[in-house]
Every structure is written in C-alpha cells, then in structure tokens.
Amino acid sequence: MARGDGFSIIKRTRGGRELAHWEVRVQVPREWRTAVGKKEVIRSTGTGDRREAGRLAPEIVTKLYTRWRQAGNPADLLP
C-alpha cells in the first residue's frame, strides 16, 4: 500500500500534549460506512517511532479491510 490508499499516519494531541504513539487514520469505504457507523477509524500503531509506524500501518489497514469484507453481520465490525 502506498500513501493515498485511504489511510494516513498521524500523531494526535490530548489536553495540549502529544500522545506517545503514532496512529493510523483509515477512511472507511463508502459501502461499509453505514455498518461501521463512521467515515474514518483510528487505530494505534503501538509505537512512538515514526518509521516503525510507517512499516506497521499497511498491515493494520489490511487487517481492517479484510475484517470489513468478511463480516456478515455489521455488529461484527465494531472494535
């Protein structure tokens, strides 16, 4: 997966302070938005290293897309 494939790697803040881990912001495909209930989903990469986050992000996105495709029940899509 390359940049522009429906995800980005972000560093959010909470209370004016940066969170320790990088996160992946994934755009939910239009056909799954009703079932998922969101336009985007954010998942932690579990690392504070930007390069490692970049390496892990495609795997996280692939797992989410696979889960969405295989789910027969929209309730199965919830985290």
PDB file of N, CA and C in Angstrom:
ATOM      1  N   MET A   1       0.843  -1.184   0.000  1.00  0.00           N
ATOM      2  CA  MET A   1       0.000   0.000   0.000  1.00  0.00           C
ATOM      3  C   MET A   1       0.881   1.239   0.000  1.00  0.00           C
ATOM      4  N   ALA A   2       0.434   2.210  -0.718  1.00  0.00           N
ATOM      5  CA  ALA A   2       1.188   3.454  -0.791  1.00  0.00           C
ATOM      6  C   ALA A   2       0.359   4.577  -0.192  1.00  0.00           C
ATOM      7  N   ARG A   3       1.017   5.667   0.057  1.00  0.00           N
ATOM      8  CA  ARG A   3       0.325   6.832   0.572  1.00  0.00           C
ATOM      9  C   ARG A   3      -0.795   7.203  -0.397  1.00  0.00           C
ATOM     10  N   GLY A   4      -1.932   7.583   0.134  1.00  0.00           N
ATOM     11  CA  GLY A   4      -3.072   7.900  -0.706  1.00  0.00           C
ATOM     12  C   GLY A   4      -4.008   6.720  -0.885  1.00  0.00           C
ATOM     13  N   ASP A   5      -3.710   5.625  -0.198  1.00  0.00           N
ATOM     14  CA  ASP A   5      -4.542   4.437  -0.293  1.00  0.00           C
ATOM     15  C   ASP A   5      -5.650   4.423   0.752  1.00  0.00           C
ATOM     16  N   GLY A   6      -6.067   5.589   1.192  1.00  0.00           N
ATOM     17  CA  GLY A   6      -7.172   5.654   2.138  1.00  0.00           C
ATOM     18  C   GLY A   6      -6.748   5.656   3.588  1.00  0.00           C
ATOM     19  N   PHE A   7      -5.453   5.900   3.849  1.00  0.00           N
ATOM     20  CA  PHE A   7      -5.006   5.988   5.234  1.00  0.00           C
ATOM     21  C   PHE A   7      -3.882   7.000   5.367  1.00  0.00           C
ATOM     22  N   SER A   8      -3.684   7.457   6.585  1.00  0.00           N
ATOM     23  CA  SER A   8      -2.564   8.342   6.884  1.00  0.00           C
ATOM     24  C   SER A   8      -2.060   8.029   8.286  1.00  0.00           C
ATOM     25  N   ILE A   9      -0.811   8.381   8.531  1.00  0.00           N
ATOM     26  CA  ILE A   9      -0.200   8.160   9.839  1.00  0.00           C
ATOM     27  C   ILE A   9      -0.190   9.500  10.547  1.00  0.00           C
ATOM     28  N   ILE A  10      -0.753   9.530  11.751  1.00  0.00           N
ATOM     29  CA  ILE A  10      -0.917  10.798  12.454  1.00  0.00           C
ATOM     30  C   ILE A  10      -0.393  10.711  13.884  1.00  0.00           C
ATOM     31  N   LYS A  11      -0.145  11.858  14.449  1.00  0.00           N
ATOM     32  CA  LYS A  11       0.226  11.982  15.855  1.00  0.00           C
ATOM     33  C   LYS A  11      -0.780  12.957  16.452  1.00  0.00           C
ATOM     34  N   ARG A  12      -1.659  12.476  17.322  1.00  0.00           N
ATOM     35  CA  ARG A  12      -2.703  13.325  17.902  1.00  0.00           C
ATOM     36  C   ARG A  12      -2.258  13.931  19.220  1.00  0.00           C
ATOM     37  N   THR A  13      -2.990  14.939  19.635  1.00  0.00           N
ATOM     38  CA  THR A  13      -2.751  15.562  20.935  1.00  0.00           C
ATOM     39  C   THR A  13      -3.995  15.410  21.789  1.00  0.00           C
ATOM     40  N   ARG A  14      -3.781  15.380  23.052  1.00  0.00           N
ATOM     41  CA  ARG A  14      -4.894  15.314  24.003  1.00  0.00           C
ATOM     42  C   ARG A  14      -4.505  16.213  25.168  1.00  0.00           C
ATOM     43  N   GLY A  15      -5.335  17.183  25.453  1.00  0.00           N
ATOM     44  CA  GLY A  15      -5.040  18.108  26.545  1.00  0.00           C
ATOM     45  C   GLY A  15      -3.796  18.941  26.294  1.00  0.00           C
ATOM     46  N   GLY A  16      -3.502  19.218  25.026  1.00  0.00           N
ATOM     47  CA  GLY A  16      -2.345  20.026  24.684  1.00  0.00           C
ATOM     48  C   GLY A  16      -1.032  19.254  24.624  1.00  0.00           C
ATOM     49  N   ARG A  17      -1.074  17.967  24.891  1.00  0.00           N
ATOM     50  CA  ARG A  17       0.137  17.141  24.863  1.00  0.00           C
ATOM     51  C   ARG A  17       0.017  16.068  23.791  1.00  0.00           C
ATOM     52  N   GLU A  18       1.133  15.778  23.130  1.00  0.00           N
ATOM     53  CA  GLU A  18       1.138  14.727  22.117  1.00  0.00           C
ATOM     54  C   GLU A  18       0.976  13.364  22.756  1.00  0.00           C
ATOM     55  N   LEU A  19       0.215  12.518  22.098  1.00  0.00           N
ATOM     56  CA  LEU A  19       0.102  11.129  22.544  1.00  0.00           C
ATOM     57  C   LEU A  19       1.419  10.421  22.244  1.00  0.00           C
ATOM     58  N   ALA A  20       1.722   9.385  22.992  1.00  0.00           N
ATOM     59  CA  ALA A  20       3.012   8.701  22.868  1.00  0.00           C
ATOM     60  C   ALA A  20       3.132   7.905  21.570  1.00  0.00           C
ATOM     61  N   HIS A  21       2.026   7.385  21.047  1.00  0.00           N
ATOM     62  CA  HIS A  21       2.094   6.509  19.889  1.00  0.00           C
ATOM     63  C   HIS A  21       1.566   7.171  18.628  1.00  0.00           C
ATOM     64  N   TRP A  22       2.141   6.769  17.510  1.00  0.00           N
ATOM     65  CA  TRP A  22       1.614   7.155  16.216  1.00  0.00           C
ATOM     66  C   TRP A  22       0.359   6.336  15.959  1.00  0.00           C
ATOM     67  N   GLU A  23      -0.553   6.912  15.199  1.00  0.00           N
ATOM     68  CA  GLU A  23      -1.807   6.242  14.897  1.00  0.00           C
ATOM     69  C   GLU A  23      -2.055   6.233  13.395  1.00  0.00           C
ATOM     70  N   VAL A  24      -2.893   5.313  12.974  1.00  0.00           N
ATOM     71  CA  VAL A  24      -3.278   5.212  11.568  1.00  0.00           C
ATOM     72  C   VAL A  24      -4.723   5.651  11.450  1.00  0.00           C
ATOM     73  N   ARG A  25      -4.969   6.616  10.590  1.00  0.00           N
ATOM     74  CA  ARG A  25      -6.333   7.077  10.301  1.00  0.00           C
ATOM     75  C   ARG A  25      -6.743   6.410   8.992  1.00  0.00           C
ATOM     76  N   VAL A  26      -7.792   5.587   9.050  1.00  0.00           N
ATOM     77  CA  VAL A  26      -8.237   4.808   7.894  1.00  0.00           C
ATOM     78  C   VAL A  26      -9.600   5.307   7.446  1.00  0.00           C
ATOM     79  N   GLN A  27      -9.716   5.632   6.178  1.00  0.00           N
ATOM     80  CA  GLN A  27     -11.013   6.009   5.630  1.00  0.00           C
ATOM     81  C   GLN A  27     -11.831   4.742   5.415  1.00  0.00           C
ATOM     82  N   VAL A  28     -13.035   4.733   5.942  1.00  0.00           N
ATOM     83  CA  VAL A  28     -13.924   3.581   5.782  1.00  0.00           C
ATOM     84  C   VAL A  28     -14.523   3.648   4.380  1.00  0.00           C
ATOM     85  N   PRO A  29     -14.428   2.556   3.600  1.00  0.00           N
ATOM     86  CA  PRO A  29     -15.040   2.553   2.270  1.00  0.00           C
ATOM     87  C   PRO A  29     -16.528   2.894   2.355  1.00  0.00           C
ATOM     88  N   ARG A  30     -17.006   3.614   1.369  1.00  0.00           N
ATOM     89  CA  ARG A  30     -18.387   4.113   1.367  1.00  0.00           C
ATOM     90  C   ARG A  30     -19.414   3.016   1.640  1.00  0.00           C
ATOM     91  N   GLU A  31     -19.210   1.835   1.065  1.00  0.00           N
ATOM     92  CA  GLU A  31     -20.201   0.765   1.234  1.00  0.00           C
ATOM     93  C   GLU A  31     -20.242   0.212   2.661  1.00  0.00           C
ATOM     94  N   TRP A  32     -19.231   0.499   3.464  1.00  0.00           N
ATOM     95  CA  TRP A  32     -19.191  -0.005   4.836  1.00  0.00           C
ATOM     96  C   TRP A  32     -19.498   1.066   5.881  1.00  0.00           C
ATOM     97  N   ARG A  33     -19.673   2.300   5.463  1.00  0.00           N
ATOM     98  CA  ARG A  33     -19.876   3.394   6.429  1.00  0.00           C
ATOM     99  C   ARG A  33     -21.111   3.209   7.288  1.00  0.00           C
ATOM    100  N   THR A  34     -22.187   2.727   6.724  1.00  0.00           N
ATOM    101  CA  THR A  34     -23.408   2.512   7.498  1.00  0.00           C
ATOM    102  C   THR A  34     -23.179   1.432   8.544  1.00  0.00           C
ATOM    103  N   ALA A  35     -22.539   0.346   8.145  1.00  0.00           N
ATOM    104  CA  ALA A  35     -22.296  -0.766   9.064  1.00  0.00           C
ATOM    105  C   ALA A  35     -21.294  -0.400  10.152  1.00  0.00           C
ATOM    106  N   VAL A  36     -20.236   0.306   9.769  1.00  0.00           N
ATOM    107  CA  VAL A  36     -19.206   0.684  10.740  1.00  0.00           C
ATOM    108  C   VAL A  36     -19.690   1.855  11.586  1.00  0.00           C
ATOM    109  N   GLY A  37     -20.472   2.750  10.984  1.00  0.00           N
ATOM    110  CA  GLY A  37     -21.008   3.893  11.707  1.00  0.00           C
ATOM    111  C   GLY A  37     -20.087   5.093  11.736  1.00  0.00           C
ATOM    112  N   LYS A  38     -19.034   5.051  10.921  1.00  0.00           N
ATOM    113  CA  LYS A  38     -18.066   6.155  10.885  1.00  0.00           C
ATOM    114  C   LYS A  38     -17.525   6.312   9.472  1.00  0.00           C
ATOM    115  N   LYS A  39     -16.977   7.512   9.199  1.00  0.00           N
ATOM    116  CA  LYS A  39     -16.302   7.752   7.927  1.00  0.00           C
ATOM    117  C   LYS A  39     -14.831   7.373   8.007  1.00  0.00           C
ATOM    118  N   GLU A  40     -14.295   7.413   9.230  1.00  0.00           N
ATOM    119  CA  GLU A  40     -12.898   7.039   9.421  1.00  0.00           C
ATOM    120  C   GLU A  40     -12.717   6.335  10.759  1.00  0.00           C
ATOM    121  N   VAL A  41     -11.684   5.518  10.829  1.00  0.00           N
ATOM    122  CA  VAL A  41     -11.371   4.765  12.034  1.00  0.00           C
ATOM    123  C   VAL A  41      -9.912   5.041  12.360  1.00  0.00           C
ATOM    124  N   ILE A  42      -9.617   5.226  13.628  1.00  0.00           N
ATOM    125  CA  ILE A  42      -8.237   5.478  14.050  1.00  0.00           C
ATOM    126  C   ILE A  42      -7.773   4.314  14.921  1.00  0.00           C
ATOM    127  N   ARG A  43      -6.599   3.778  14.586  1.00  0.00           N
ATOM    128  CA  ARG A  43      -6.001   2.672  15.328  1.00  0.00           C
ATOM    129  C   ARG A  43      -4.565   3.034  15.697  1.00  0.00           C
ATOM    130  N   SER A  44      -4.168   2.695  16.904  1.00  0.00           N
ATOM    131  CA  SER A  44      -2.796   2.933  17.358  1.00  0.00           C
ATOM    132  C   SER A  44      -1.853   1.948  16.697  1.00  0.00           C
ATOM    133  N   THR A  45      -0.651   2.414  16.379  1.00  0.00           N
ATOM    134  CA  THR A  45       0.370   1.520  15.846  1.00  0.00           C
ATOM    135  C   THR A  45       1.136   0.844  16.977  1.00  0.00           C
ATOM    136  N   GLY A  46       1.026   1.390  18.180  1.00  0.00           N
ATOM    137  CA  GLY A  46       1.703   0.813  19.323  1.00  0.00           C
ATOM    138  C   GLY A  46       3.160   1.210  19.430  1.00  0.00           C
ATOM    139  N   THR A  47       3.572   2.193  18.633  1.00  0.00           N
ATOM    140  CA  THR A  47       4.964   2.619  18.669  1.00  0.00           C
ATOM    141  C   THR A  47       5.075   4.139  18.574  1.00  0.00           C
ATOM    142  N   GLY A  48       6.104   4.668  19.194  1.00  0.00           N
ATOM    143  CA  GLY A  48       6.378   6.096  19.121  1.00  0.00           C
ATOM    144  C   GLY A  48       7.365   6.438  18.019  1.00  0.00           C
ATOM    145  N   ASP A  49       7.879   5.422  17.337  1.00  0.00           N
ATOM    146  CA  ASP A  49       8.851   5.612  16.257  1.00  0.00           C
ATOM    147  C   ASP A  49       8.121   5.774  14.924  1.00  0.00           C
ATOM    148  N   ARG A  50       8.352   6.888  14.252  1.00  0.00           N
ATOM    149  CA  ARG A  50       7.649   7.214  13.008  1.00  0.00           C
ATOM    150  C   ARG A  50       7.921   6.186  11.909  1.00  0.00           C
ATOM    151  N   ARG A  51       9.150   5.764  11.772  1.00  0.00           N
ATOM    152  CA  ARG A  51       9.488   4.786  10.729  1.00  0.00           C
ATOM    153  C   ARG A  51       8.809   3.436  10.981  1.00  0.00           C
ATOM    154  N   GLU A  52       8.826   3.012  12.218  1.00  0.00           N
ATOM    155  CA  GLU A  52       8.174   1.752  12.585  1.00  0.00           C
ATOM    156  C   GLU A  52       6.670   1.854  12.339  1.00  0.00           C
ATOM    157  N   ALA A  53       6.096   3.012  12.657  1.00  0.00           N
ATOM    158  CA  ALA A  53       4.660   3.231  12.415  1.00  0.00           C
ATOM    159  C   ALA A  53       4.360   3.130  10.921  1.00  0.00           C
ATOM    160  N   GLY A  54       5.229   3.678  10.103  1.00  0.00           N
ATOM    161  CA  GLY A  54       5.053   3.602   8.658  1.00  0.00           C
ATOM    162  C   GLY A  54       5.135   2.180   8.139  1.00  0.00           C
ATOM    163  N   ARG A  55       5.953   1.369   8.778  1.00  0.00           N
ATOM    164  CA  ARG A  55       6.081  -0.027   8.396  1.00  0.00           C
ATOM    165  C   ARG A  55       4.853  -0.839   8.826  1.00  0.00           C
ATOM    166  N   LEU A  56       4.287  -0.511   9.992  1.00  0.00           N
ATOM    167  CA  LEU A  56       3.155  -1.253  10.543  1.00  0.00           C
ATOM    168  C   LEU A  56       1.807  -0.835   9.944  1.00  0.00           C
ATOM    169  N   ALA A  57       1.698   0.397   9.475  1.00  0.00           N
ATOM    170  CA  ALA A  57       0.420   0.937   9.012  1.00  0.00           C
ATOM    171  C   ALA A  57      -0.261   0.099   7.927  1.00  0.00           C
ATOM    172  N   PRO A  58       0.436  -0.311   6.865  1.00  0.00           N
ATOM    173  CA  PRO A  58      -0.259  -1.104   5.834  1.00  0.00           C
ATOM    174  C   PRO A  58      -0.835  -2.414   6.371  1.00  0.00           C
ATOM    175  N   GLU A  59      -0.150  -3.028   7.319  1.00  0.00           N
ATOM    176  CA  GLU A  59      -0.645  -4.273   7.917  1.00  0.00           C
ATOM    177  C   GLU A  59      -1.938  -4.023   8.698  1.00  0.00           C
ATOM    178  N   ILE A  60      -1.974  -2.927   9.444  1.00  0.00           N
ATOM    179  CA  ILE A  60      -3.167  -2.562  10.222  1.00  0.00           C
ATOM    180  C   ILE A  60      -4.341  -2.292   9.284  1.00  0.00           C
ATOM    181  N   VAL A  61      -4.084  -1.552   8.211  1.00  0.00           N
ATOM    182  CA  VAL A  61      -5.132  -1.222   7.239  1.00  0.00           C
ATOM    183  C   VAL A  61      -5.641  -2.487   6.557  1.00  0.00           C
ATOM    184  N   THR A  62      -4.740  -3.365   6.180  1.00  0.00           N
ATOM    185  CA  THR A  62      -5.123  -4.609   5.520  1.00  0.00           C
ATOM    186  C   THR A  62      -6.006  -5.458   6.420  1.00  0.00           C
ATOM    187  N   LYS A  63      -5.663  -5.538   7.696  1.00  0.00           N
ATOM    188  CA  LYS A  63      -6.474  -6.308   8.644  1.00  0.00           C
ATOM    189  C   LYS A  63      -7.881  -5.723   8.770  1.00  0.00           C
ATOM    190  N   LEU A  64      -7.970  -4.388   8.821  1.00  0.00           N
ATOM    191  CA  LEU A  64      -9.294  -3.752   8.913  1.00  0.00           C
ATOM    192  C   LEU A  64     -10.123  -4.031   7.657  1.00  0.00           C
ATOM    193  N   TYR A  65      -9.523  -3.839   6.485  1.00  0.00           N
ATOM    194  CA  TYR A  65     -10.251  -4.081   5.235  1.00  0.00           C
ATOM    195  C   TYR A  65     -10.696  -5.529   5.140  1.00  0.00           C
ATOM    196  N   THR A  66      -9.843  -6.461   5.520  1.00  0.00           N
ATOM    197  CA  THR A  66     -10.187  -7.881   5.486  1.00  0.00           C
ATOM    198  C   THR A  66     -11.355  -8.164   6.414  1.00  0.00           C
ATOM    199  N   ARG A  67     -11.298  -7.582   7.597  1.00  0.00           N
ATOM    200  CA  ARG A  67     -12.378  -7.772   8.575  1.00  0.00           C
ATOM    201  C   ARG A  67     -13.703  -7.227   8.042  1.00  0.00           C
ATOM    202  N   TRP A  68     -13.649  -6.060   7.406  1.00  0.00           N
ATOM    203  CA  TRP A  68     -14.868  -5.459   6.870  1.00  0.00           C
ATOM    204  C   TRP A  68     -15.438  -6.310   5.736  1.00  0.00           C
ATOM    205  N   ARG A  69     -14.574  -6.836   4.883  1.00  0.00           N
ATOM    206  CA  ARG A  69     -15.035  -7.649   3.744  1.00  0.00           C
ATOM    207  C   ARG A  69     -15.646  -8.974   4.196  1.00  0.00           C
ATOM    208  N   GLN A  70     -15.073  -9.574   5.233  1.00  0.00           N
ATOM    209  CA  GLN A  70     -15.510 -10.894   5.665  1.00  0.00           C
ATOM    210  C   GLN A  70     -16.691 -10.864   6.632  1.00  0.00           C
ATOM    211  N   ALA A  71     -16.968  -9.720   7.203  1.00  0.00           N
ATOM    212  CA  ALA A  71     -18.038  -9.633   8.197  1.00  0.00           C
ATOM    213  C   ALA A  71     -19.397  -9.810   7.523  1.00  0.00           C
ATOM    214  N   GLY A  72     -20.164 -10.735   8.063  1.00  0.00           N
ATOM    215  CA  GLY A  72     -21.508 -10.931   7.527  1.00  0.00           C
ATOM    216  C   GLY A  72     -22.524 -10.106   8.295  1.00  0.00           C
ATOM    217  N   ASN A  73     -22.182  -9.754   9.545  1.00  0.00           N
ATOM    218  CA  ASN A  73     -23.074  -9.022  10.420  1.00  0.00           C
ATOM    219  C   ASN A  73     -22.424  -7.681  10.752  1.00  0.00           C
ATOM    220  N   PRO A  74     -23.092  -6.543  10.504  1.00  0.00           N
ATOM    221  CA  PRO A  74     -22.495  -5.254  10.811  1.00  0.00           C
ATOM    222  C   PRO A  74     -22.033  -5.109  12.255  1.00  0.00           C
ATOM    223  N   ALA A  75     -22.649  -5.820  13.179  1.00  0.00           N
ATOM    224  CA  ALA A  75     -22.228  -5.752  14.578  1.00  0.00           C
ATOM    225  C   ALA A  75     -20.839  -6.346  14.763  1.00  0.00           C
ATOM    226  N   ASP A  76     -20.425  -7.237  13.864  1.00  0.00           N
ATOM    227  CA  ASP A  76     -19.090  -7.833  13.924  1.00  0.00           C
ATOM    228  C   ASP A  76     -18.003  -6.829  13.591  1.00  0.00           C
ATOM    229  N   LEU A  77     -18.374  -5.701  13.008  1.00  0.00           N
ATOM    230  CA  LEU A  77     -17.398  -4.707  12.583  1.00  0.00           C
ATOM    231  C   LEU A  77     -16.921  -3.817  13.720  1.00  0.00           C
ATOM    232  N   LEU A  78     -17.633  -3.799  14.822  1.00  0.00           N
ATOM    233  CA  LEU A  78     -17.263  -2.934  15.919  1.00  0.00           C
ATOM    234  C   LEU A  78     -16.005  -3.467  16.597  1.00  0.00           C
ATOM    235  N   PRO A  79     -15.155  -2.536  17.096  1.00  0.00           N
ATOM    236  CA  PRO A  79     -13.873  -2.949  17.714  1.00  0.00           C
ATOM    237  C   PRO A  79     -14.025  -3.834  18.919  1.00  0.00           C
TER     238      PRO A  79
END
